[in-house]
């Protein structure tokens, strides 16, 4: 079964309670099972069982902290196209990029670059250091960067 078909199947198997639970969990990943249960009309035990099932099915892949870069003083922003050596798997790119707290998001893309990386840094010196560290990662051949001047939408 193709990956997109698998995702369609999983999405079709979610009931309204699962969707509500996921929405609440997405809004506050630190909410207790009891708090979520009050919002979706389930006991804490039932919420835990459902979340465990969703994790086992791969619907919930993990829990993470989302940092606000501006609070950290990371006002400098760039998008970096990363070009990798042949046969560098997306998992390898992900493993390399996960070690950088400055990486806000990253995607594999079509076209010449293998990945597009969104970075935030304190200043240009910090940004340059991060880009240089990324370029030294195994599998990375070169990069091309665009520094954000101002945000128009979003």
N, C-alpha and C. Protein backbone atom coordinates (compact mmCIF):
# COMPACT_ATOMS: atom_id res chain seq x y z
N UNK A 1 0.86 -1.18 0.00
CA UNK A 1 0.00 0.00 0.00
C UNK A 1 0.90 1.23 0.00
N UNK A 2 0.62 2.18 -0.88
CA UNK A 2 1.45 3.38 -0.94
C UNK A 2 1.27 4.21 0.32
N UNK A 3 2.26 5.07 0.57
CA UNK A 3 2.23 5.90 1.78
C UNK A 3 0.99 6.78 1.81
N UNK A 4 0.64 7.39 0.66
CA UNK A 4 -0.53 8.27 0.66
C UNK A 4 -1.81 7.47 0.88
N UNK A 5 -1.89 6.25 0.34
CA UNK A 5 -3.06 5.40 0.58
C UNK A 5 -3.16 5.01 2.05
N UNK A 6 -2.00 4.73 2.67
CA UNK A 6 -1.99 4.38 4.09
C UNK A 6 -2.53 5.54 4.92
N UNK A 7 -2.13 6.77 4.58
CA UNK A 7 -2.61 7.94 5.32
C UNK A 7 -4.11 8.13 5.12
N UNK A 8 -4.61 7.88 3.89
CA UNK A 8 -6.04 8.00 3.63
C UNK A 8 -6.81 7.00 4.49
N UNK A 9 -6.30 5.76 4.57
CA UNK A 9 -6.95 4.72 5.35
C UNK A 9 -6.99 5.09 6.82
N UNK A 10 -5.86 5.56 7.36
CA UNK A 10 -5.82 5.95 8.77
C UNK A 10 -6.81 7.07 9.03
N UNK A 11 -6.84 8.08 8.17
CA UNK A 11 -7.75 9.21 8.35
C UNK A 11 -9.20 8.78 8.31
N UNK A 12 -9.51 7.81 7.46
CA UNK A 12 -10.89 7.33 7.36
C UNK A 12 -11.30 6.56 8.61
N UNK A 13 -10.33 5.98 9.32
CA UNK A 13 -10.63 5.18 10.51
C UNK A 13 -10.83 6.03 11.76
N UNK A 14 -10.56 7.30 11.70
CA UNK A 14 -10.72 8.15 12.88
C UNK A 14 -12.19 8.54 13.05
N UNK A 15 -12.69 8.38 14.27
CA UNK A 15 -14.05 8.82 14.52
C UNK A 15 -14.02 10.26 15.04
N UNK A 16 -15.19 10.81 15.26
CA UNK A 16 -15.29 12.22 15.69
C UNK A 16 -14.60 12.43 17.04
N UNK A 17 -14.70 11.48 17.94
CA UNK A 17 -14.05 11.60 19.25
C UNK A 17 -12.53 11.62 19.08
N UNK A 18 -11.99 10.76 18.21
CA UNK A 18 -10.55 10.78 17.94
C UNK A 18 -10.12 12.13 17.39
N UNK A 19 -10.90 12.67 16.48
CA UNK A 19 -10.55 13.97 15.88
C UNK A 19 -10.58 15.08 16.93
N UNK A 20 -11.57 15.07 17.80
CA UNK A 20 -11.64 16.06 18.89
C UNK A 20 -10.45 15.91 19.83
N UNK A 21 -10.15 14.67 20.19
CA UNK A 21 -9.04 14.39 21.08
C UNK A 21 -7.72 14.90 20.46
N UNK A 22 -7.53 14.63 19.17
CA UNK A 22 -6.31 15.08 18.49
C UNK A 22 -6.25 16.61 18.43
N UNK A 23 -7.39 17.25 18.22
CA UNK A 23 -7.41 18.71 18.19
C UNK A 23 -7.00 19.28 19.55
N UNK A 24 -7.54 18.71 20.63
CA UNK A 24 -7.20 19.18 21.99
C UNK A 24 -5.73 18.91 22.29
N UNK A 25 -5.27 17.73 21.92
CA UNK A 25 -3.87 17.36 22.15
C UNK A 25 -2.94 18.27 21.35
N UNK A 26 -3.35 18.59 20.12
CA UNK A 26 -2.55 19.49 19.28
C UNK A 26 -2.50 20.90 19.83
N UNK A 27 -3.57 21.33 20.46
CA UNK A 27 -3.62 22.68 21.04
C UNK A 27 -2.77 22.78 22.30
N UNK A 28 -2.72 21.69 23.08
CA UNK A 28 -1.92 21.70 24.31
C UNK A 28 -1.44 20.28 24.59
N UNK A 29 -0.27 19.97 24.09
CA UNK A 29 0.30 18.63 24.25
C UNK A 29 0.63 18.28 25.69
N UNK A 30 0.63 19.26 26.59
CA UNK A 30 0.93 19.01 28.00
C UNK A 30 -0.33 18.84 28.84
N UNK A 31 -1.49 18.96 28.22
CA UNK A 31 -2.74 18.80 28.97
C UNK A 31 -2.82 17.38 29.52
N UNK A 32 -3.37 17.25 30.71
CA UNK A 32 -3.50 15.92 31.32
C UNK A 32 -4.64 15.17 30.63
N UNK A 33 -4.62 13.85 30.80
CA UNK A 33 -5.70 13.03 30.25
C UNK A 33 -7.04 13.47 30.83
N UNK A 34 -7.05 13.84 32.10
CA UNK A 34 -8.28 14.29 32.75
C UNK A 34 -8.79 15.58 32.11
N UNK A 35 -7.87 16.54 31.86
CA UNK A 35 -8.28 17.81 31.22
C UNK A 35 -8.84 17.56 29.83
N UNK A 36 -8.16 16.72 29.07
CA UNK A 36 -8.64 16.41 27.71
C UNK A 36 -9.98 15.69 27.80
N UNK A 37 -10.07 14.75 28.75
CA UNK A 37 -11.32 14.00 28.93
C UNK A 37 -12.51 14.90 29.19
N UNK A 38 -12.32 15.93 30.00
CA UNK A 38 -13.42 16.88 30.27
C UNK A 38 -13.86 17.58 28.99
N UNK A 39 -12.92 17.86 28.11
CA UNK A 39 -13.23 18.58 26.88
C UNK A 39 -13.87 17.69 25.82
N UNK A 40 -13.56 16.39 25.86
CA UNK A 40 -14.11 15.48 24.84
C UNK A 40 -15.13 14.50 25.42
N UNK A 41 -15.49 14.70 26.69
CA UNK A 41 -16.50 13.89 27.36
C UNK A 41 -16.11 12.41 27.50
N UNK A 42 -14.86 12.19 27.96
CA UNK A 42 -14.36 10.84 28.23
C UNK A 42 -13.65 10.84 29.57
N UNK A 43 -13.51 9.66 30.16
CA UNK A 43 -12.71 9.54 31.38
C UNK A 43 -11.23 9.65 31.01
N UNK A 44 -10.42 9.96 32.01
CA UNK A 44 -8.97 10.04 31.79
C UNK A 44 -8.44 8.72 31.27
N UNK A 45 -8.94 7.62 31.79
CA UNK A 45 -8.50 6.29 31.36
C UNK A 45 -8.84 6.05 29.89
N UNK A 46 -10.03 6.44 29.49
CA UNK A 46 -10.45 6.27 28.10
C UNK A 46 -9.59 7.13 27.17
N UNK A 47 -9.27 8.35 27.60
CA UNK A 47 -8.41 9.22 26.80
C UNK A 47 -7.04 8.57 26.62
N UNK A 48 -6.49 8.05 27.73
CA UNK A 48 -5.17 7.40 27.67
C UNK A 48 -5.19 6.22 26.71
N UNK A 49 -6.23 5.39 26.79
CA UNK A 49 -6.33 4.23 25.90
C UNK A 49 -6.39 4.66 24.44
N UNK A 50 -7.19 5.70 24.17
CA UNK A 50 -7.31 6.18 22.78
C UNK A 50 -5.99 6.76 22.28
N UNK A 51 -5.31 7.54 23.11
CA UNK A 51 -4.02 8.11 22.70
C UNK A 51 -3.01 6.99 22.47
N UNK A 52 -3.00 5.99 23.34
CA UNK A 52 -2.10 4.84 23.15
C UNK A 52 -2.37 4.15 21.82
N UNK A 53 -3.66 3.96 21.49
CA UNK A 53 -4.01 3.33 20.21
C UNK A 53 -3.58 4.20 19.03
N UNK A 54 -3.78 5.52 19.15
CA UNK A 54 -3.38 6.43 18.08
C UNK A 54 -1.87 6.43 17.89
N UNK A 55 -1.13 6.33 18.99
CA UNK A 55 0.34 6.24 18.90
C UNK A 55 0.74 4.92 18.24
N UNK A 56 0.11 3.81 18.63
CA UNK A 56 0.43 2.50 18.06
C UNK A 56 0.16 2.47 16.56
N UNK A 57 -0.86 3.19 16.12
CA UNK A 57 -1.20 3.24 14.69
C UNK A 57 -0.36 4.25 13.92
N UNK A 58 0.43 5.06 14.64
CA UNK A 58 1.27 6.04 13.96
C UNK A 58 0.58 7.36 13.68
N UNK A 59 -0.65 7.53 14.17
CA UNK A 59 -1.34 8.80 14.00
C UNK A 59 -0.64 9.87 14.83
N UNK A 60 -0.33 9.54 16.07
CA UNK A 60 0.47 10.41 16.94
C UNK A 60 1.87 9.84 16.91
N UNK A 61 2.82 10.63 16.39
CA UNK A 61 4.19 10.14 16.24
C UNK A 61 5.10 10.58 17.36
N UNK A 62 4.66 11.49 18.19
CA UNK A 62 5.50 11.93 19.29
C UNK A 62 5.00 13.25 19.85
N UNK A 63 5.67 13.68 20.88
CA UNK A 63 5.33 14.93 21.54
C UNK A 63 6.58 15.79 21.54
N UNK A 64 6.42 17.08 21.35
CA UNK A 64 7.58 17.94 21.23
C UNK A 64 7.32 19.31 21.85
N UNK A 65 8.37 20.06 22.04
CA UNK A 65 8.26 21.42 22.52
C UNK A 65 8.43 22.34 21.32
N UNK A 66 7.57 23.33 21.19
CA UNK A 66 7.68 24.32 20.13
C UNK A 66 8.16 25.62 20.78
N UNK A 67 9.36 26.03 20.40
CA UNK A 67 9.93 27.25 20.97
C UNK A 67 9.50 28.46 20.17
N UNK A 68 9.36 29.59 20.82
CA UNK A 68 9.08 30.84 20.14
C UNK A 68 10.42 31.52 19.89
N UNK A 69 10.90 31.52 18.65
CA UNK A 69 12.23 32.06 18.35
C UNK A 69 12.39 33.52 18.76
N UNK A 70 11.33 34.32 18.66
CA UNK A 70 11.46 35.73 19.00
C UNK A 70 11.71 35.93 20.49
N UNK A 71 11.14 35.06 21.33
CA UNK A 71 11.37 35.14 22.78
C UNK A 71 12.83 34.82 23.09
N UNK A 72 13.42 33.92 22.30
CA UNK A 72 14.83 33.58 22.47
C UNK A 72 15.76 34.65 21.90
N UNK A 73 15.17 35.66 21.25
CA UNK A 73 15.98 36.71 20.64
C UNK A 73 16.48 36.34 19.26
N UNK A 74 15.90 35.31 18.66
CA UNK A 74 16.32 34.86 17.34
C UNK A 74 15.52 35.62 16.27
N UNK A 75 15.99 36.81 15.94
CA UNK A 75 15.29 37.70 15.02
C UNK A 75 15.74 37.54 13.57
N UNK A 76 16.88 36.92 13.33
CA UNK A 76 17.41 36.74 11.98
C UNK A 76 16.89 35.42 11.43
N UNK A 77 16.42 35.49 10.20
CA UNK A 77 15.72 34.34 9.64
C UNK A 77 16.22 34.07 8.22
N UNK A 78 16.32 32.80 7.84
CA UNK A 78 16.77 32.45 6.50
C UNK A 78 16.14 31.13 6.06
N UNK A 79 16.08 30.97 4.76
CA UNK A 79 15.71 29.69 4.15
C UNK A 79 16.95 29.19 3.43
N UNK A 80 17.30 27.95 3.69
CA UNK A 80 18.53 27.38 3.14
C UNK A 80 18.17 26.16 2.30
N UNK A 81 18.59 26.20 1.04
CA UNK A 81 18.46 25.03 0.18
C UNK A 81 19.67 24.15 0.44
N UNK A 82 19.44 22.88 0.74
CA UNK A 82 20.53 21.95 1.04
C UNK A 82 20.63 20.95 -0.10
N UNK A 83 21.82 20.83 -0.64
CA UNK A 83 22.12 19.90 -1.73
C UNK A 83 22.99 18.79 -1.16
N UNK A 84 22.53 17.56 -1.30
CA UNK A 84 23.23 16.43 -0.69
C UNK A 84 23.96 15.60 -1.73
N UNK A 85 24.89 14.79 -1.24
CA UNK A 85 25.57 13.83 -2.09
C UNK A 85 24.57 12.77 -2.53
N UNK A 86 24.92 12.05 -3.59
CA UNK A 86 24.02 11.00 -4.08
C UNK A 86 23.69 10.01 -2.98
N UNK A 87 22.49 9.51 -3.03
CA UNK A 87 22.00 8.46 -2.13
C UNK A 87 21.95 8.87 -0.66
N UNK A 88 21.78 10.15 -0.40
CA UNK A 88 21.57 10.59 0.98
C UNK A 88 20.07 10.49 1.25
N UNK A 89 19.70 9.60 2.13
CA UNK A 89 18.29 9.34 2.42
C UNK A 89 17.69 10.48 3.23
N UNK A 90 16.39 10.73 3.09
CA UNK A 90 15.73 11.76 3.89
C UNK A 90 15.93 11.55 5.39
N UNK A 91 16.00 10.30 5.83
CA UNK A 91 16.22 10.01 7.25
C UNK A 91 17.58 10.53 7.72
N UNK A 92 18.58 10.45 6.83
CA UNK A 92 19.92 10.97 7.17
C UNK A 92 19.89 12.50 7.28
N UNK A 93 19.17 13.13 6.36
CA UNK A 93 19.04 14.59 6.39
C UNK A 93 18.34 15.00 7.69
N UNK A 94 17.27 14.30 8.01
CA UNK A 94 16.52 14.59 9.24
C UNK A 94 17.41 14.43 10.47
N UNK A 95 18.15 13.34 10.53
CA UNK A 95 19.03 13.11 11.68
C UNK A 95 20.07 14.22 11.82
N UNK A 96 20.60 14.70 10.71
CA UNK A 96 21.57 15.79 10.75
C UNK A 96 20.94 17.08 11.24
N UNK A 97 19.76 17.40 10.73
CA UNK A 97 19.13 18.69 11.05
C UNK A 97 18.53 18.74 12.45
N UNK A 98 18.15 17.59 13.00
CA UNK A 98 17.53 17.57 14.33
C UNK A 98 18.45 18.09 15.42
N UNK A 99 19.74 18.06 15.20
CA UNK A 99 20.67 18.50 16.24
C UNK A 99 20.80 20.02 16.33
N UNK A 100 20.17 20.75 15.43
CA UNK A 100 20.28 22.20 15.41
C UNK A 100 19.00 22.85 15.95
N UNK A 101 19.05 23.48 17.13
CA UNK A 101 17.85 24.13 17.65
C UNK A 101 17.40 25.31 16.78
N UNK A 102 18.28 25.82 15.95
CA UNK A 102 17.95 26.95 15.08
C UNK A 102 17.06 26.54 13.91
N UNK A 103 16.94 25.24 13.64
CA UNK A 103 16.09 24.77 12.55
C UNK A 103 14.63 24.83 13.02
N UNK A 104 13.87 25.70 12.37
CA UNK A 104 12.46 25.89 12.70
C UNK A 104 11.62 24.83 11.99
N UNK A 105 11.98 24.52 10.75
CA UNK A 105 11.26 23.53 9.95
C UNK A 105 12.17 23.09 8.82
N UNK A 106 11.88 21.94 8.26
CA UNK A 106 12.65 21.44 7.12
C UNK A 106 11.77 20.52 6.29
N UNK A 107 11.99 20.56 5.00
CA UNK A 107 11.20 19.76 4.08
C UNK A 107 12.10 19.15 3.01
N UNK A 108 11.78 17.95 2.54
CA UNK A 108 12.36 17.48 1.30
C UNK A 108 11.54 18.12 0.20
N UNK A 109 12.19 18.44 -0.93
CA UNK A 109 11.51 19.18 -1.99
C UNK A 109 11.87 18.61 -3.36
N UNK A 110 11.05 18.97 -4.34
CA UNK A 110 11.37 18.61 -5.72
C UNK A 110 12.32 19.66 -6.28
N UNK A 111 12.93 19.36 -7.42
CA UNK A 111 13.86 20.29 -8.03
C UNK A 111 15.28 19.95 -7.66
N UNK A 112 16.19 20.89 -7.82
CA UNK A 112 17.61 20.64 -7.60
C UNK A 112 17.98 20.41 -6.14
N UNK A 113 17.50 21.24 -5.20
CA UNK A 113 17.90 20.98 -3.81
C UNK A 113 17.22 19.72 -3.28
N UNK A 114 17.84 19.11 -2.29
CA UNK A 114 17.26 17.92 -1.66
C UNK A 114 16.35 18.30 -0.49
N UNK A 115 16.66 19.44 0.14
CA UNK A 115 15.87 19.88 1.29
C UNK A 115 15.83 21.40 1.35
N UNK A 116 14.77 21.90 1.95
CA UNK A 116 14.64 23.33 2.23
C UNK A 116 14.54 23.45 3.74
N UNK A 117 15.41 24.28 4.31
CA UNK A 117 15.52 24.41 5.76
C UNK A 117 15.22 25.84 6.17
N UNK A 118 14.34 26.00 7.15
CA UNK A 118 13.99 27.31 7.70
C UNK A 118 14.78 27.48 8.99
N UNK A 119 15.62 28.50 9.05
CA UNK A 119 16.47 28.77 10.22
C UNK A 119 16.10 30.07 10.89
N UNK A 120 16.30 30.14 12.21
CA UNK A 120 16.21 31.38 12.99
C UNK A 120 17.48 31.48 13.81
N UNK A 121 18.02 32.69 13.92
CA UNK A 121 19.26 32.91 14.66
C UNK A 121 19.23 34.29 15.31
N UNK A 122 20.16 34.51 16.24
CA UNK A 122 20.24 35.79 16.96
C UNK A 122 20.63 36.92 16.01
N UNK A 123 21.62 36.67 15.17
CA UNK A 123 22.13 37.69 14.26
C UNK A 123 22.80 37.01 13.07
N UNK A 124 23.38 37.81 12.19
CA UNK A 124 24.01 37.26 10.99
C UNK A 124 25.20 36.36 11.34
N UNK A 125 25.96 36.70 12.33
CA UNK A 125 27.11 35.88 12.72
C UNK A 125 26.63 34.50 13.18
N UNK A 126 25.59 34.48 14.01
CA UNK A 126 25.02 33.22 14.48
C UNK A 126 24.47 32.42 13.30
N UNK A 127 23.75 33.09 12.39
CA UNK A 127 23.19 32.43 11.21
C UNK A 127 24.30 31.81 10.37
N UNK A 128 25.34 32.58 10.13
CA UNK A 128 26.46 32.08 9.33
C UNK A 128 27.09 30.84 9.97
N UNK A 129 27.26 30.86 11.27
CA UNK A 129 27.86 29.72 11.98
C UNK A 129 26.99 28.48 11.84
N UNK A 130 25.67 28.64 11.94
CA UNK A 130 24.77 27.50 11.81
C UNK A 130 24.82 26.93 10.39
N UNK A 131 24.79 27.82 9.40
CA UNK A 131 24.85 27.36 8.01
C UNK A 131 26.16 26.62 7.75
N UNK A 132 27.25 27.12 8.27
CA UNK A 132 28.54 26.44 8.10
C UNK A 132 28.55 25.08 8.78
N UNK A 133 27.93 24.98 9.95
CA UNK A 133 27.86 23.68 10.63
C UNK A 133 27.01 22.70 9.82
N UNK A 134 25.91 23.18 9.25
CA UNK A 134 25.07 22.32 8.41
C UNK A 134 25.86 21.85 7.20
N UNK A 135 26.62 22.74 6.59
CA UNK A 135 27.41 22.39 5.40
C UNK A 135 28.47 21.34 5.70
N UNK A 136 28.92 21.25 6.95
CA UNK A 136 29.92 20.25 7.33
C UNK A 136 29.31 18.90 7.68
N UNK A 137 27.99 18.80 7.69
CA UNK A 137 27.34 17.53 8.01
C UNK A 137 27.63 16.49 6.92
N UNK A 138 27.79 15.22 7.34
CA UNK A 138 28.00 14.15 6.35
C UNK A 138 26.81 14.12 5.39
N UNK A 139 27.10 13.96 4.13
CA UNK A 139 26.04 13.89 3.13
C UNK A 139 25.70 15.23 2.50
N UNK A 140 26.06 16.33 3.13
CA UNK A 140 25.76 17.65 2.57
C UNK A 140 26.89 18.06 1.63
N UNK A 141 26.52 18.39 0.42
CA UNK A 141 27.50 18.79 -0.58
C UNK A 141 27.67 20.31 -0.63
N UNK A 142 26.52 21.02 -0.62
CA UNK A 142 26.56 22.48 -0.65
C UNK A 142 25.21 23.01 -0.21
N UNK A 143 25.13 24.32 -0.07
CA UNK A 143 23.86 24.95 0.29
C UNK A 143 23.75 26.30 -0.41
N UNK A 144 22.54 26.80 -0.44
CA UNK A 144 22.29 28.15 -0.97
C UNK A 144 21.26 28.78 -0.04
N UNK A 145 21.56 30.00 0.42
CA UNK A 145 20.74 30.64 1.45
C UNK A 145 20.06 31.90 0.94
N UNK A 146 18.88 32.15 1.50
CA UNK A 146 18.16 33.40 1.29
C UNK A 146 17.77 33.93 2.66
N UNK A 147 18.25 35.13 2.98
CA UNK A 147 17.94 35.75 4.27
C UNK A 147 16.63 36.51 4.14
N UNK A 148 15.76 36.35 5.12
CA UNK A 148 14.46 37.03 5.14
C UNK A 148 14.66 38.49 5.53
N UNK A 149 14.11 39.41 4.72
CA UNK A 149 14.18 40.84 5.04
C UNK A 149 12.97 41.26 5.85
N UNK A 150 11.77 40.87 5.39
CA UNK A 150 10.56 41.18 6.14
C UNK A 150 9.49 40.15 5.79
N UNK A 151 8.55 39.97 6.71
CA UNK A 151 7.47 39.01 6.52
C UNK A 151 6.28 39.74 5.93
N UNK A 152 5.78 39.26 4.80
CA UNK A 152 4.65 39.90 4.16
C UNK A 152 3.32 39.31 4.59
N UNK A 153 3.26 37.99 4.72
CA UNK A 153 2.05 37.29 5.10
C UNK A 153 2.42 36.23 6.14
N UNK A 154 1.51 36.01 7.09
CA UNK A 154 1.74 34.93 8.05
C UNK A 154 2.09 35.47 9.35
